Amino acid sequence: MIIMVCYAVPATAAIAVYALRKTNSSIKGKTDYYLLNLLLLGASIFGFVDHLWNGELFLISEKPLMDLALGATITLTVFASWGIIVALEKAKATKPTIA
């Protein structure tokens, strides 16, 4: 029995990133990974609220693989967005200023 929890995929990723941030000294305290954590939490909260709003919070899914695929797509979109944000910020930081 699988329930409709496409929001569980980004929530699981958020927990994994949080654990990584707390245990890996090379990324500990880096704001890039804190931002990733916030984006993943936002995605999972959005999914949770959407399911709650539509009364589908704990319904049994007819297509569990589609729910997992949606959760994976949401999570990959968050990672891609995060990567673009980080790349743009690094490019902005290294851009020479003209006086």
N, C-alpha and C. Protein backbone atom coordinates (compact mmCIF):
# COMPACT_ATOMS: atom_id res chain seq x y z
N MET A 1 0.85 -1.18 0.00
CA MET A 1 0.00 0.00 0.00
C MET A 1 0.89 1.25 0.00
N ILE A 2 0.78 2.03 -1.03
CA ILE A 2 1.56 3.27 -1.15
C ILE A 2 0.59 4.44 -1.15
N ILE A 3 0.92 5.47 -0.38
CA ILE A 3 0.07 6.65 -0.34
C ILE A 3 0.64 7.75 -1.21
N MET A 4 -0.21 8.71 -1.55
CA MET A 4 0.21 9.83 -2.40
C MET A 4 1.11 10.75 -1.60
N VAL A 5 2.38 10.61 -1.77
CA VAL A 5 3.32 11.44 -1.02
C VAL A 5 4.47 11.88 -1.92
N CYS A 6 4.14 12.54 -3.02
CA CYS A 6 5.21 13.03 -3.90
C CYS A 6 6.05 14.07 -3.17
N TYR A 7 5.49 14.67 -2.13
CA TYR A 7 6.25 15.64 -1.35
C TYR A 7 7.27 14.97 -0.45
N ALA A 8 7.21 13.66 -0.31
CA ALA A 8 8.18 12.95 0.53
C ALA A 8 9.57 12.91 -0.11
N VAL A 9 9.64 12.96 -1.43
CA VAL A 9 10.95 12.91 -2.10
C VAL A 9 11.77 14.16 -1.79
N PRO A 10 11.22 15.39 -2.00
CA PRO A 10 12.02 16.55 -1.62
C PRO A 10 12.24 16.66 -0.11
N ALA A 11 11.29 16.15 0.69
CA ALA A 11 11.48 16.16 2.15
C ALA A 11 12.63 15.25 2.54
N THR A 12 12.72 14.09 1.91
CA THR A 12 13.82 13.17 2.18
C THR A 12 15.15 13.78 1.75
N ALA A 13 15.15 14.44 0.60
CA ALA A 13 16.38 15.11 0.13
C ALA A 13 16.77 16.23 1.10
N ALA A 14 15.79 16.96 1.62
CA ALA A 14 16.08 18.04 2.58
C ALA A 14 16.70 17.47 3.85
N ILE A 15 16.19 16.35 4.32
CA ILE A 15 16.76 15.71 5.51
C ILE A 15 18.18 15.24 5.23
N ALA A 16 18.41 14.67 4.05
CA ALA A 16 19.75 14.20 3.68
C ALA A 16 20.74 15.35 3.59
N VAL A 17 20.32 16.47 2.97
CA VAL A 17 21.21 17.63 2.86
C VAL A 17 21.49 18.21 4.24
N TYR A 18 20.48 18.25 5.09
CA TYR A 18 20.67 18.75 6.45
C TYR A 18 21.69 17.89 7.20
N ALA A 19 21.53 16.57 7.11
CA ALA A 19 22.47 15.66 7.77
C ALA A 19 23.87 15.83 7.22
N LEU A 20 23.98 16.00 5.91
CA LEU A 20 25.28 16.21 5.28
C LEU A 20 25.91 17.50 5.77
N ARG A 21 25.10 18.56 5.88
CA ARG A 21 25.60 19.85 6.36
C ARG A 21 26.12 19.75 7.79
N LYS A 22 25.49 18.92 8.60
CA LYS A 22 25.88 18.81 10.01
C LYS A 22 27.07 17.89 10.23
N THR A 23 27.29 16.95 9.32
CA THR A 23 28.34 15.96 9.54
C THR A 23 29.58 16.16 8.67
N ASN A 24 29.45 16.81 7.53
CA ASN A 24 30.57 16.98 6.61
C ASN A 24 31.23 18.32 6.88
N SER A 25 32.45 18.28 7.37
CA SER A 25 33.14 19.52 7.75
C SER A 25 33.49 20.40 6.55
N SER A 26 33.60 19.82 5.36
CA SER A 26 33.97 20.64 4.20
C SER A 26 32.82 21.54 3.72
N ILE A 27 31.58 21.18 4.03
CA ILE A 27 30.46 22.04 3.62
C ILE A 27 29.75 22.66 4.82
N LYS A 28 30.22 22.34 6.01
CA LYS A 28 29.59 22.86 7.22
C LYS A 28 29.68 24.38 7.24
N GLY A 29 28.54 25.03 7.41
CA GLY A 29 28.50 26.47 7.51
C GLY A 29 28.45 27.20 6.18
N LYS A 30 28.47 26.48 5.05
CA LYS A 30 28.41 27.14 3.75
C LYS A 30 26.96 27.52 3.45
N THR A 31 26.77 28.76 3.05
CA THR A 31 25.42 29.25 2.81
C THR A 31 24.78 28.64 1.57
N ASP A 32 25.60 28.16 0.62
CA ASP A 32 25.03 27.52 -0.57
C ASP A 32 24.18 26.32 -0.20
N TYR A 33 24.67 25.50 0.71
CA TYR A 33 23.95 24.30 1.10
C TYR A 33 22.79 24.62 2.03
N TYR A 34 22.90 25.69 2.78
CA TYR A 34 21.78 26.17 3.59
C TYR A 34 20.63 26.59 2.66
N LEU A 35 20.97 27.29 1.58
CA LEU A 35 19.97 27.69 0.60
C LEU A 35 19.32 26.47 -0.04
N LEU A 36 20.12 25.47 -0.38
CA LEU A 36 19.57 24.23 -0.95
C LEU A 36 18.59 23.60 0.02
N ASN A 37 18.96 23.56 1.29
CA ASN A 37 18.09 23.01 2.31
C ASN A 37 16.76 23.75 2.37
N LEU A 38 16.81 25.07 2.33
CA LEU A 38 15.58 25.87 2.37
C LEU A 38 14.71 25.63 1.12
N LEU A 39 15.34 25.54 -0.04
CA LEU A 39 14.58 25.30 -1.27
C LEU A 39 13.89 23.93 -1.23
N LEU A 40 14.59 22.92 -0.76
CA LEU A 40 14.00 21.58 -0.67
C LEU A 40 12.87 21.55 0.36
N LEU A 41 13.06 22.22 1.47
CA LEU A 41 11.99 22.29 2.47
C LEU A 41 10.78 23.02 1.91
N GLY A 42 11.02 24.10 1.19
CA GLY A 42 9.92 24.83 0.57
C GLY A 42 9.15 23.97 -0.42
N ALA A 43 9.85 23.18 -1.21
CA ALA A 43 9.19 22.30 -2.18
C ALA A 43 8.34 21.25 -1.47
N SER A 44 8.86 20.68 -0.40
CA SER A 44 8.10 19.65 0.30
C SER A 44 6.91 20.25 1.05
N ILE A 45 7.08 21.44 1.62
CA ILE A 45 5.95 22.10 2.30
C ILE A 45 4.87 22.47 1.28
N PHE A 46 5.30 22.96 0.11
CA PHE A 46 4.33 23.29 -0.93
C PHE A 46 3.52 22.05 -1.32
N GLY A 47 4.20 20.93 -1.54
CA GLY A 47 3.50 19.69 -1.90
C GLY A 47 2.55 19.23 -0.81
N PHE A 48 2.99 19.33 0.43
CA PHE A 48 2.16 18.94 1.57
C PHE A 48 0.90 19.81 1.62
N VAL A 49 1.07 21.12 1.51
CA VAL A 49 -0.07 22.03 1.56
C VAL A 49 -1.01 21.80 0.38
N ASP A 50 -0.45 21.56 -0.80
CA ASP A 50 -1.27 21.29 -1.98
C ASP A 50 -2.13 20.05 -1.77
N HIS A 51 -1.54 18.98 -1.27
CA HIS A 51 -2.30 17.76 -1.02
C HIS A 51 -3.33 17.97 0.08
N LEU A 52 -2.97 18.70 1.10
CA LEU A 52 -3.90 18.99 2.18
C LEU A 52 -5.08 19.82 1.66
N TRP A 53 -4.78 20.82 0.87
CA TRP A 53 -5.81 21.71 0.30
C TRP A 53 -6.82 20.92 -0.55
N ASN A 54 -6.32 19.96 -1.30
CA ASN A 54 -7.18 19.18 -2.19
C ASN A 54 -7.75 17.92 -1.53
N GLY A 55 -7.51 17.75 -0.24
CA GLY A 55 -8.05 16.61 0.48
C GLY A 55 -7.45 15.28 0.07
N GLU A 56 -6.20 15.29 -0.39
CA GLU A 56 -5.54 14.08 -0.87
C GLU A 56 -4.34 13.71 -0.03
N LEU A 57 -4.30 14.17 1.20
CA LEU A 57 -3.07 14.05 1.96
C LEU A 57 -2.63 12.60 2.14
N PHE A 58 -3.53 11.72 2.51
CA PHE A 58 -3.13 10.33 2.76
C PHE A 58 -3.96 9.35 1.94
N LEU A 59 -4.33 9.75 0.73
CA LEU A 59 -5.07 8.84 -0.14
C LEU A 59 -4.13 7.78 -0.72
N ILE A 60 -4.68 6.63 -1.00
CA ILE A 60 -3.89 5.59 -1.64
C ILE A 60 -3.81 5.92 -3.13
N SER A 61 -2.63 5.96 -3.63
CA SER A 61 -2.40 6.34 -5.01
C SER A 61 -2.71 5.19 -5.96
N GLU A 62 -3.33 5.54 -7.08
CA GLU A 62 -3.57 4.54 -8.12
C GLU A 62 -2.32 4.32 -8.96
N LYS A 63 -1.46 5.34 -9.00
CA LYS A 63 -0.23 5.27 -9.80
C LYS A 63 0.95 5.71 -8.94
N PRO A 64 1.45 4.82 -8.08
CA PRO A 64 2.54 5.21 -7.17
C PRO A 64 3.82 5.60 -7.89
N LEU A 65 4.12 4.98 -9.04
CA LEU A 65 5.34 5.33 -9.77
C LEU A 65 5.25 6.75 -10.34
N MET A 66 4.05 7.16 -10.71
CA MET A 66 3.87 8.54 -11.20
C MET A 66 4.10 9.54 -10.07
N ASP A 67 3.65 9.20 -8.85
CA ASP A 67 3.88 10.08 -7.70
C ASP A 67 5.37 10.19 -7.39
N LEU A 68 6.07 9.06 -7.43
CA LEU A 68 7.51 9.09 -7.19
C LEU A 68 8.23 9.87 -8.29
N ALA A 69 7.77 9.70 -9.53
CA ALA A 69 8.39 10.44 -10.64
C ALA A 69 8.15 11.94 -10.48
N LEU A 70 6.96 12.32 -10.03
CA LEU A 70 6.67 13.74 -9.79
C LEU A 70 7.56 14.28 -8.68
N GLY A 71 7.69 13.52 -7.60
CA GLY A 71 8.56 13.94 -6.50
C GLY A 71 10.01 14.08 -6.94
N ALA A 72 10.47 13.13 -7.76
CA ALA A 72 11.84 13.20 -8.28
C ALA A 72 12.01 14.40 -9.21
N THR A 73 11.00 14.67 -10.03
CA THR A 73 11.07 15.83 -10.93
C THR A 73 11.12 17.13 -10.14
N ILE A 74 10.31 17.23 -9.11
CA ILE A 74 10.31 18.43 -8.25
C ILE A 74 11.69 18.59 -7.62
N THR A 75 12.24 17.51 -7.10
CA THR A 75 13.54 17.56 -6.43
C THR A 75 14.65 17.93 -7.40
N LEU A 76 14.64 17.32 -8.59
CA LEU A 76 15.66 17.65 -9.59
C LEU A 76 15.54 19.10 -10.07
N THR A 77 14.32 19.60 -10.14
CA THR A 77 14.11 21.00 -10.52
C THR A 77 14.68 21.93 -9.46
N VAL A 78 14.50 21.57 -8.20
CA VAL A 78 15.06 22.37 -7.10
C VAL A 78 16.58 22.35 -7.18
N PHE A 79 17.17 21.18 -7.39
CA PHE A 79 18.64 21.10 -7.50
C PHE A 79 19.15 21.92 -8.68
N ALA A 80 18.45 21.86 -9.82
CA ALA A 80 18.88 22.63 -10.99
C ALA A 80 18.76 24.13 -10.72
N SER A 81 17.66 24.55 -10.11
CA SER A 81 17.48 25.96 -9.78
C SER A 81 18.56 26.43 -8.82
N TRP A 82 18.86 25.61 -7.84
CA TRP A 82 19.91 25.92 -6.86
C TRP A 82 21.26 26.06 -7.56
N GLY A 83 21.55 25.15 -8.47
CA GLY A 83 22.81 25.21 -9.20
C GLY A 83 22.94 26.49 -10.02
N ILE A 84 21.85 26.90 -10.64
CA ILE A 84 21.86 28.14 -11.42
C ILE A 84 22.07 29.33 -10.51
N ILE A 85 21.38 29.37 -9.38
CA ILE A 85 21.51 30.47 -8.43
C ILE A 85 22.95 30.57 -7.93
N VAL A 86 23.53 29.44 -7.55
CA VAL A 86 24.91 29.43 -7.03
C VAL A 86 25.88 29.88 -8.12
N ALA A 87 25.70 29.38 -9.35
CA ALA A 87 26.59 29.76 -10.45
C ALA A 87 26.50 31.26 -10.74
N LEU A 88 25.29 31.80 -10.74
CA LEU A 88 25.12 33.23 -10.99
C LEU A 88 25.75 34.07 -9.88
N GLU A 89 25.60 33.63 -8.65
CA GLU A 89 26.20 34.36 -7.52
C GLU A 89 27.72 34.33 -7.59
N LYS A 90 28.29 33.19 -7.97
CA LYS A 90 29.75 33.10 -8.08
C LYS A 90 30.26 33.95 -9.24
N ALA A 91 29.52 33.96 -10.34
CA ALA A 91 29.92 34.79 -11.48
C ALA A 91 29.83 36.27 -11.11
N LYS A 92 28.83 36.62 -10.37
CA LYS A 92 28.66 38.01 -9.93
C LYS A 92 29.80 38.42 -8.98
N ALA A 93 30.20 37.49 -8.13
CA ALA A 93 31.26 37.78 -7.15
C ALA A 93 32.63 37.94 -7.82
N THR A 94 32.86 37.25 -8.93
CA THR A 94 34.16 37.31 -9.59
C THR A 94 34.22 38.35 -10.70
N LYS A 95 33.09 38.96 -10.99
CA LYS A 95 33.06 39.97 -12.06
C LYS A 95 33.82 41.23 -11.61
N PRO A 96 34.76 41.68 -12.44
CA PRO A 96 35.53 42.87 -12.05
C PRO A 96 34.63 44.12 -12.11
N THR A 97 34.83 44.98 -11.15
CA THR A 97 34.06 46.23 -11.12
C THR A 97 34.85 47.34 -11.79
N ILE A 98 34.14 48.20 -12.50
CA ILE A 98 34.77 49.33 -13.16
C ILE A 98 34.55 50.56 -12.31
N ALA A 99 35.63 51.25 -11.98
CA ALA A 99 35.51 52.41 -11.09
C ALA A 99 35.16 53.66 -11.84
